[in-house]
Protein backbone atom coordinates (compact mmCIF):
# COMPACT_ATOMS: atom_id res chain seq x y z
CA UNK A 1 31.98 -111.09 -7.43
CA UNK A 2 33.11 -107.56 -6.82
CA UNK A 3 36.77 -106.54 -6.55
CA UNK A 4 38.65 -106.45 -3.26
CA UNK A 5 37.09 -104.35 -0.56
CA UNK A 6 38.88 -101.46 1.00
CA UNK A 7 38.98 -101.55 4.75
CA UNK A 8 38.81 -98.22 6.51
CA UNK A 9 41.66 -97.69 8.93
CA UNK A 10 40.89 -96.36 12.33
CA UNK A 11 42.83 -93.38 13.54
CA UNK A 12 45.03 -93.80 16.56
CA UNK A 13 43.39 -92.64 19.74
CA UNK A 14 46.73 -91.81 21.32
CA UNK A 15 49.68 -90.36 19.42
CA UNK A 16 52.83 -92.42 19.14
CA UNK A 17 55.43 -91.61 21.73
CA UNK A 18 58.98 -91.51 20.46
CA UNK A 19 61.64 -92.55 22.89
CA UNK A 20 64.39 -90.02 23.49
CA UNK A 21 67.61 -90.44 21.53
CA UNK A 22 70.37 -92.31 23.30
CA UNK A 23 73.45 -90.39 24.33
CA UNK A 24 76.82 -90.90 22.67
CA UNK A 25 78.12 -92.42 25.91
CA UNK A 26 75.31 -94.98 26.02
CA UNK A 27 75.87 -95.94 22.36
CA UNK A 28 79.61 -96.31 22.98
CA UNK A 29 78.89 -98.48 26.05
CA UNK A 30 76.54 -100.72 24.03
CA UNK A 31 79.14 -100.96 21.23
CA UNK A 32 81.80 -102.14 23.66
CA UNK A 33 79.44 -104.61 25.35
CA UNK A 34 78.37 -106.08 22.01
CA UNK A 35 81.97 -106.28 20.77
CA UNK A 36 83.00 -108.08 23.98
CA UNK A 37 80.10 -110.52 23.54
CA UNK A 38 81.08 -111.19 19.92
CA UNK A 39 84.71 -111.77 20.93
CA UNK A 40 83.56 -114.19 23.66
CA UNK A 41 81.25 -116.11 21.31
CA UNK A 42 82.19 -115.58 17.66
CA UNK A 43 79.72 -116.86 15.09
CA UNK A 44 76.60 -116.43 17.22
CA UNK A 45 73.35 -114.83 16.06
CA UNK A 46 72.02 -111.46 17.21
CA UNK A 47 69.33 -113.13 19.33
CA UNK A 48 71.89 -115.14 21.31
CA UNK A 49 74.23 -112.18 21.78
CA UNK A 50 71.42 -109.85 22.82
CA UNK A 51 70.14 -112.41 25.33
CA UNK A 52 73.64 -112.68 26.84
CA UNK A 53 73.69 -108.91 27.29
CA UNK A 54 70.12 -108.80 28.60
CA UNK A 55 69.11 -106.31 25.88
CA UNK A 56 66.49 -106.48 23.13
CA UNK A 57 68.10 -107.09 19.76
CA UNK A 58 66.35 -104.03 18.31
CA UNK A 59 68.30 -101.85 20.77
CA UNK A 60 71.56 -103.07 19.26
CA UNK A 61 70.87 -102.08 15.65
CA UNK A 62 72.70 -98.74 15.78
CA UNK A 63 75.69 -99.94 17.85
CA UNK A 64 76.19 -102.93 15.50
CA UNK A 65 75.98 -100.68 12.45
CA UNK A 66 78.65 -98.42 13.96
CA UNK A 67 80.89 -101.39 14.80
CA UNK A 68 80.57 -102.72 11.27
CA UNK A 69 81.35 -99.32 9.76
CA UNK A 70 84.43 -99.05 12.01
CA UNK A 71 85.63 -102.47 10.84
CA UNK A 72 85.45 -104.11 14.26
CA UNK A 73 82.68 -106.64 13.45
CA UNK A 74 82.05 -108.77 10.39
CA UNK A 75 78.54 -109.97 9.59
CA UNK A 76 78.12 -113.20 7.62
CA UNK A 77 74.67 -114.05 6.31
CA UNK A 78 71.45 -112.12 6.10
CA UNK A 79 68.63 -111.24 8.44
CA UNK A 80 67.83 -113.99 10.96
CA UNK A 81 70.66 -116.18 9.71
CA UNK A 82 73.34 -113.52 10.21
CA UNK A 83 76.35 -114.48 12.30
CA UNK A 84 78.69 -111.98 13.94
CA UNK A 85 82.48 -112.29 14.05
CA UNK A 86 85.10 -109.98 15.59
CA UNK A 87 87.57 -108.33 13.24
CA UNK A 88 90.02 -107.62 16.05
CA UNK A 89 91.43 -109.80 18.78
CA UNK A 90 90.54 -109.24 22.43
CA UNK A 91 93.38 -106.75 22.98
CA UNK A 92 92.05 -104.25 20.45
CA UNK A 93 94.72 -104.64 17.79
CA UNK A 94 93.79 -105.56 14.25
CA UNK A 95 94.18 -109.19 13.30
CA UNK A 96 97.14 -109.88 11.06
CA UNK A 97 96.58 -111.03 7.51
CA UNK A 98 99.39 -113.20 6.23
CA UNK A 99 100.19 -113.12 2.53
CA UNK A 100 100.86 -116.50 0.98
CA UNK A 101 103.39 -116.63 -1.82
CA UNK A 102 102.05 -118.30 -4.95
CA UNK A 103 104.30 -120.80 -6.59
CA UNK A 104 104.40 -120.73 -10.39
């Protein structure tokens, strides 16, 4: 038998349309909505949180990345198994870490 065949790709008949960039205000609003959803239901997946907000999960990629970079959200797991946890309490202050004295 011959080697694998190459399949010719058809060119797109219509060019791809890029959606306009979201404004800083809209991204900030989505960040706050997502953070509130995570605080209300810690440990949920992106699909559940996005459904609660009525938004596609792909629309939340940038706001979640910004929340993680700011240290407001912690992500445990990878890809579809990722769970989201708040790093701050509902009032906006950082959670307190308590040092435990080791006994020697």
